[in-house]
Amino acid sequence: MPTFEFETVDVFTSQRFGGNPLAVFPEASGLTDLQMQQLATEFNLSETTFVLPPADPANSARVRIFNRSHEMPFAGHPMVGTACVLAGRSAERHARFQFEVPAGRVTVRLSYDGDAVQGAEIDAPQPLTTGVELAAADIAACVGLAADDVRVSSHPPLLATVGNTYVIAEVAPARLDDAVPDLAQFRRVLDATPGLSGRFSLYLYARTGAGTLGARMFAPLVGTFEDPATGSAATPLAALLLSLTNDEAAAFAIHQGVKMGRPSLLHASARRTPDGIRASVGGASVPVLSGVARL
């Protein structure tokens, strides 16, 4: 009976049982696509990662990311958590990794507290692109808010990506905690909006102070009722907010998962580059469990 080791970590937190949990299979060669999906479904986490040899030997590894229902092109907390697991298993002190994912190449910079891995910062694989705009009333209906709770003075609700697509919408700070996803409304909006290309993950944010944001992410159509920390949404948000200014760079501290009882802290930044606005996100990661899957 083949066995495969796994580890779990809580990402974007320095406290166990906070942040976003992740399962990592650090040596996944031999697993089929079906088995990877079955394991991810079995863990029932936002994502599970599987580490494979890189296609390009100049890179550190190829990482496949699965949520409960399908493979993902890129995701933030899986990159941070996978890097921390691999660094923690290595006798060598790694300053960085280069991961191959379907959306491109992800650079990961490790941070340490003495000899212990503390966390990591990643560069999203693509510059910011934006897509279809949505009505504030439709976004509000998806989360049980009033239309005027969705703020449009800076930008309308819109699709944005730096490797993984989200609808990003600003809401009034006092109403962020009141959002509750309505599955029927998510389906209605998805069916009525061809520009979403069959996927609808909603990232709400509120401005809570100078350089600080609160955020919540809902993807109920793929089984994630709410996500406690979403690095691949924090990065396009940072890039989008920079795009609304004339600044060369911007940085934000984003608090997420508070309403879920899994408080998370993500440090997101964006910068203007020759090929567009690029973004990064980082945070801490703590080990939780280890074990063996028998297949």
Protein backbone atom coordinates (compact mmCIF):
# COMPACT_ATOMS: atom_id res chain seq x y z
CA MET A 1 0.00 0.00 0.00
CA PRO A 2 1.68 3.27 -1.12
CA THR A 3 2.07 5.90 1.58
CA PHE A 4 2.60 9.65 1.26
CA GLU A 5 3.65 11.95 4.09
CA PHE A 6 1.79 15.19 4.71
CA GLU A 7 2.08 18.16 7.01
CA THR A 8 -0.43 20.85 7.90
CA VAL A 9 0.33 24.45 8.74
CA ASP A 10 -1.72 27.48 9.70
CA VAL A 11 -0.80 30.35 7.39
CA PHE A 12 -0.94 34.13 7.87
CA THR A 13 -0.87 33.74 11.63
CA SER A 14 1.69 33.23 14.38
CA GLN A 15 -0.80 31.30 16.54
CA ARG A 16 -1.94 27.72 15.92
CA PHE A 17 -5.62 27.45 15.01
CA GLY A 18 -5.65 30.94 13.57
CA GLY A 19 -5.03 31.87 9.96
CA ASN A 20 -5.79 29.56 7.05
CA PRO A 21 -4.98 25.84 7.41
CA LEU A 22 -3.14 24.10 4.59
CA ALA A 23 -2.20 20.47 3.95
CA VAL A 24 1.09 19.90 2.12
CA PHE A 25 2.33 16.69 0.49
CA PRO A 26 6.05 17.49 0.18
CA GLU A 27 6.91 14.44 -1.95
CA ALA A 28 3.91 13.81 -4.22
CA SER A 29 5.52 11.97 -7.11
CA GLY A 30 3.45 8.87 -7.88
CA LEU A 31 0.09 10.43 -7.05
CA THR A 32 -2.38 10.65 -9.93
CA ASP A 33 -4.48 13.70 -10.69
CA LEU A 34 -7.52 11.85 -9.35
CA GLN A 35 -5.76 10.92 -6.12
CA MET A 36 -4.64 14.52 -5.58
CA GLN A 37 -8.19 15.72 -5.99
CA GLN A 38 -9.52 12.98 -3.73
CA LEU A 39 -7.00 13.87 -1.01
CA ALA A 40 -7.85 17.56 -1.25
CA THR A 41 -11.54 16.73 -0.97
CA GLU A 42 -10.82 14.46 1.98
CA PHE A 43 -8.93 17.16 3.85
CA ASN A 44 -11.79 19.57 3.11
CA LEU A 45 -9.56 22.63 3.46
CA SER A 46 -9.51 25.69 1.23
CA GLU A 47 -6.47 24.19 -0.52
CA THR A 48 -4.07 21.26 -0.41
CA THR A 49 -0.71 21.28 -2.21
CA PHE A 50 1.36 18.57 -3.86
CA VAL A 51 5.07 19.12 -4.45
CA LEU A 52 6.68 17.62 -7.55
CA PRO A 53 10.05 17.94 -9.32
CA PRO A 54 10.25 21.12 -11.41
CA ALA A 55 9.96 21.05 -15.19
CA ASP A 56 12.82 23.58 -15.29
CA PRO A 57 15.74 22.53 -13.05
CA ALA A 58 16.44 26.22 -12.39
CA ASN A 59 13.29 26.26 -10.26
CA SER A 60 12.82 24.70 -6.84
CA ALA A 61 9.68 22.65 -7.39
CA ARG A 62 6.43 22.32 -9.27
CA VAL A 63 3.49 22.82 -6.94
CA ARG A 64 -0.04 21.73 -7.74
CA ILE A 65 -2.84 23.34 -5.75
CA PHE A 66 -6.26 21.73 -5.33
CA ASN A 67 -9.32 23.04 -3.56
CA ARG A 68 -12.30 20.84 -2.70
CA SER A 69 -13.42 20.54 -6.32
CA HIS A 70 -10.68 21.44 -8.80
CA GLU A 71 -7.06 22.41 -9.42
CA MET A 72 -6.17 26.09 -9.07
CA PRO A 73 -3.72 28.11 -11.19
CA PHE A 74 -2.32 30.03 -8.21
CA ALA A 75 -3.16 30.69 -4.57
CA GLY A 76 -1.46 32.73 -1.89
CA HIS A 77 -1.51 30.88 1.42
CA PRO A 78 -0.56 27.57 -0.30
CA MET A 79 2.61 29.19 -1.63
CA VAL A 80 3.57 30.62 1.77
CA GLY A 81 2.70 27.44 3.65
CA THR A 82 4.34 25.07 1.18
CA ALA A 83 7.56 27.09 1.26
CA CYS A 84 7.60 26.99 5.07
CA VAL A 85 7.04 23.22 5.12
CA LEU A 86 9.83 22.57 2.60
CA ALA A 87 12.23 24.90 4.39
CA GLY A 88 11.43 23.27 7.72
CA ARG A 89 12.21 19.82 6.31
CA SER A 90 15.54 20.87 4.81
CA ALA A 91 18.94 20.80 6.47
CA GLU A 92 19.84 23.82 4.32
CA ARG A 93 18.76 27.34 5.22
CA HIS A 94 16.88 28.52 2.13
CA ALA A 95 16.56 32.24 1.46
CA ARG A 96 14.10 31.72 -1.38
CA PHE A 97 12.28 29.23 -3.56
CA GLN A 98 11.02 29.43 -7.12
CA PHE A 99 7.77 27.50 -7.58
CA GLU A 100 6.19 26.52 -10.87
CA VAL A 101 2.39 26.80 -10.84
CA PRO A 102 -0.07 26.81 -13.76
CA ALA A 103 -0.30 30.62 -13.66
CA GLY A 104 3.47 31.05 -13.97
CA ARG A 105 6.46 31.22 -11.66
CA VAL A 106 6.17 32.31 -8.03
CA THR A 107 9.18 33.67 -6.13
CA VAL A 108 9.03 32.99 -2.39
CA ARG A 109 11.31 34.66 0.16
CA LEU A 110 11.67 32.89 3.53
CA SER A 111 12.02 34.58 6.90
CA TYR A 112 13.50 32.99 10.03
CA ASP A 113 13.50 33.45 13.77
CA GLY A 114 16.91 32.06 14.62
CA ASP A 115 17.00 28.69 12.91
CA ALA A 116 13.23 28.28 12.81
CA VAL A 117 11.21 29.17 9.73
CA GLN A 118 8.89 32.03 10.64
CA GLY A 119 7.05 32.84 7.42
CA ALA A 120 7.41 33.88 3.82
CA GLU A 121 6.58 36.52 1.25
CA ILE A 122 5.54 35.65 -2.30
CA ASP A 123 5.44 37.54 -5.58
CA ALA A 124 2.24 36.92 -7.53
CA PRO A 125 3.00 35.40 -10.95
CA GLN A 126 1.24 37.97 -13.16
CA PRO A 127 0.73 41.74 -13.32
CA LEU A 128 -2.71 43.13 -12.52
CA THR A 129 -5.45 42.72 -15.09
CA THR A 130 -9.08 43.67 -14.59
CA GLY A 131 -12.24 42.46 -16.23
CA VAL A 132 -15.99 42.70 -16.06
CA GLU A 133 -17.68 45.19 -13.74
CA LEU A 134 -20.70 44.18 -11.64
CA ALA A 135 -23.59 46.12 -10.20
CA ALA A 136 -23.39 47.10 -6.54
CA ALA A 137 -26.91 45.80 -6.05
CA ASP A 138 -25.92 42.33 -7.30
CA ILE A 139 -22.91 42.18 -5.00
CA ALA A 140 -25.02 43.31 -2.07
CA ALA A 141 -27.63 40.63 -2.82
CA CYS A 142 -24.94 37.94 -2.79
CA VAL A 143 -24.03 38.75 0.81
CA GLY A 144 -27.26 40.03 2.30
CA LEU A 145 -26.36 43.73 2.36
CA ALA A 146 -28.09 46.82 1.02
CA ALA A 147 -26.90 48.23 -2.29
CA ASP A 148 -25.62 51.41 -0.66
CA ASP A 149 -23.44 49.32 1.68
CA VAL A 150 -21.27 48.60 -1.38
CA ARG A 151 -19.07 51.63 -2.02
CA VAL A 152 -18.39 52.64 -5.62
CA SER A 153 -16.72 56.03 -5.20
CA SER A 154 -13.22 54.59 -5.72
CA HIS A 155 -14.11 51.77 -8.13
CA PRO A 156 -17.10 49.59 -9.02
CA PRO A 157 -17.14 45.93 -8.04
CA LEU A 158 -14.95 44.31 -10.68
CA LEU A 159 -13.03 41.22 -11.65
CA ALA A 160 -9.29 41.42 -10.94
CA THR A 161 -6.42 38.98 -11.06
CA VAL A 162 -2.67 38.58 -10.64
CA GLY A 163 -2.94 34.84 -11.32
CA ASN A 164 -6.25 33.86 -9.71
CA THR A 165 -9.49 35.75 -10.37
CA TYR A 166 -11.72 37.46 -7.80
CA VAL A 167 -14.53 39.93 -7.85
CA ILE A 168 -13.33 42.73 -5.55
CA ALA A 169 -15.79 45.09 -3.90
CA GLU A 170 -15.44 47.76 -1.23
CA VAL A 171 -18.06 47.88 1.54
CA ALA A 172 -18.79 50.20 4.42
CA PRO A 173 -16.58 49.27 7.41
CA ALA A 174 -19.57 48.95 9.74
CA ARG A 175 -21.21 46.40 7.45
CA LEU A 176 -18.29 44.09 6.63
CA ASP A 177 -19.05 41.73 9.52
CA ASP A 178 -22.72 41.56 8.51
CA ALA A 179 -22.05 39.89 5.16
CA VAL A 180 -23.52 36.38 4.81
CA PRO A 181 -23.25 34.57 1.46
CA ASP A 182 -26.45 33.61 -0.34
CA LEU A 183 -25.79 30.59 -2.55
CA ALA A 184 -28.79 31.19 -4.79
CA GLN A 185 -27.71 34.78 -5.44
CA PHE A 186 -24.15 33.69 -6.21
CA ARG A 187 -25.54 31.26 -8.81
CA ARG A 188 -27.87 33.89 -10.27
CA VAL A 189 -25.09 36.46 -10.69
CA LEU A 190 -22.68 33.88 -12.12
CA ASP A 191 -25.25 32.67 -14.66
CA ALA A 192 -26.07 36.24 -15.67
CA THR A 193 -22.44 37.37 -16.07
CA PRO A 194 -20.55 35.64 -18.93
CA GLY A 195 -17.51 37.79 -18.16
CA LEU A 196 -16.92 35.76 -14.98
CA SER A 197 -16.05 32.75 -17.18
CA GLY A 198 -17.83 30.30 -14.91
CA ARG A 199 -16.12 31.28 -11.66
CA PHE A 200 -17.31 33.63 -8.93
CA SER A 201 -15.22 34.20 -5.80
CA LEU A 202 -16.09 37.42 -3.98
CA TYR A 203 -13.54 39.40 -1.98
CA LEU A 204 -15.00 42.18 0.16
CA TYR A 205 -12.81 44.77 1.82
CA ALA A 206 -13.25 47.84 4.01
CA ARG A 207 -10.84 50.66 4.80
CA THR A 208 -10.25 50.55 8.55
CA GLY A 209 -7.33 52.97 8.96
CA ALA A 210 -4.27 54.42 7.27
CA GLY A 211 -2.83 51.49 5.36
CA THR A 212 -5.07 48.95 7.10
CA LEU A 213 -7.94 46.99 5.61
CA GLY A 214 -10.47 44.43 6.76
CA ALA A 215 -11.42 41.70 4.32
CA ARG A 216 -13.63 38.65 3.85
CA MET A 217 -13.71 36.15 0.98
CA PHE A 218 -16.64 33.99 -0.08
CA ALA A 219 -16.56 31.22 -2.70
CA PRO A 220 -19.58 29.07 -1.81
CA LEU A 221 -20.00 27.70 -5.33
CA VAL A 222 -16.77 25.69 -4.91
CA GLY A 223 -17.39 24.75 -1.29
CA THR A 224 -15.57 27.56 0.50
CA PHE A 225 -18.37 29.26 2.42
CA GLU A 226 -15.77 31.67 3.79
CA ASP A 227 -11.98 31.73 3.64
CA PRO A 228 -9.97 32.91 6.67
CA ALA A 229 -7.01 34.28 4.66
CA THR A 230 -6.72 34.73 0.90
CA GLY A 231 -3.31 35.79 -0.37
CA SER A 232 -4.28 35.47 -4.03
CA ALA A 233 -7.07 38.01 -3.41
CA ALA A 234 -4.99 40.34 -1.22
CA THR A 235 -2.48 40.73 -4.06
CA PRO A 236 -4.91 41.95 -6.76
CA LEU A 237 -6.54 44.17 -4.14
CA ALA A 238 -3.21 45.83 -3.34
CA ALA A 239 -2.49 46.20 -7.06
CA LEU A 240 -5.96 47.60 -7.75
CA LEU A 241 -5.69 50.17 -4.96
CA LEU A 242 -2.30 51.29 -6.24
CA SER A 243 -3.74 51.62 -9.75
CA LEU A 244 -6.21 54.21 -8.45
CA THR A 245 -3.35 56.53 -7.42
CA ASN A 246 -0.27 58.10 -8.97
CA ASP A 247 2.01 56.46 -6.41
CA GLU A 248 4.87 54.16 -7.36
CA ALA A 249 4.18 51.67 -4.57
CA ALA A 250 1.74 50.93 -1.78
CA ALA A 251 1.55 48.59 1.22
CA PHE A 252 -1.37 47.36 3.31
CA ALA A 253 -1.96 45.33 6.45
CA ILE A 254 -5.05 43.22 5.81
CA HIS A 255 -7.02 41.59 8.63
CA GLN A 256 -9.16 38.64 7.60
CA GLY A 257 -10.79 35.63 9.29
CA VAL A 258 -11.78 37.58 12.42
CA LYS A 259 -15.49 36.85 12.02
CA MET A 260 -14.65 33.13 11.64
CA GLY A 261 -12.58 32.97 14.82
CA ARG A 262 -9.41 32.40 12.77
CA PRO A 263 -7.78 35.86 12.78
CA SER A 264 -5.25 36.35 10.01
CA LEU A 265 -2.81 39.09 9.12
CA LEU A 266 -1.59 39.52 5.56
CA HIS A 267 1.03 42.06 4.52
CA ALA A 268 0.26 42.96 0.90
CA SER A 269 2.14 45.38 -1.30
CA ALA A 270 2.13 46.53 -4.91
CA ARG A 271 4.55 48.36 -7.17
CA ARG A 272 4.66 49.75 -10.67
CA THR A 273 6.95 47.84 -13.05
CA PRO A 274 7.65 48.03 -16.80
CA ASP A 275 5.10 45.27 -17.49
CA GLY A 276 2.36 46.59 -15.21
CA ILE A 277 1.48 46.63 -11.52
CA ARG A 278 2.95 43.69 -9.63
CA ALA A 279 2.00 42.58 -6.13
CA SER A 280 3.34 40.55 -3.21
CA VAL A 281 1.92 39.16 0.01
CA GLY A 282 3.54 37.69 3.09
CA GLY A 283 2.93 36.52 6.60
CA ALA A 284 3.76 34.02 9.28
CA SER A 285 3.13 30.27 9.27
CA VAL A 286 3.06 27.73 12.11
CA PRO A 287 3.20 23.91 11.93
CA VAL A 288 0.24 21.97 13.32
CA LEU A 289 -0.02 18.32 12.23
CA SER A 290 1.94 15.65 10.38
CA GLY A 291 0.91 12.19 9.20
CA VAL A 292 0.76 9.61 6.42
CA ALA A 293 -1.88 9.02 3.79
CA ARG A 294 -2.32 5.38 2.73
CA LEU A 295 -3.60 4.84 -0.82
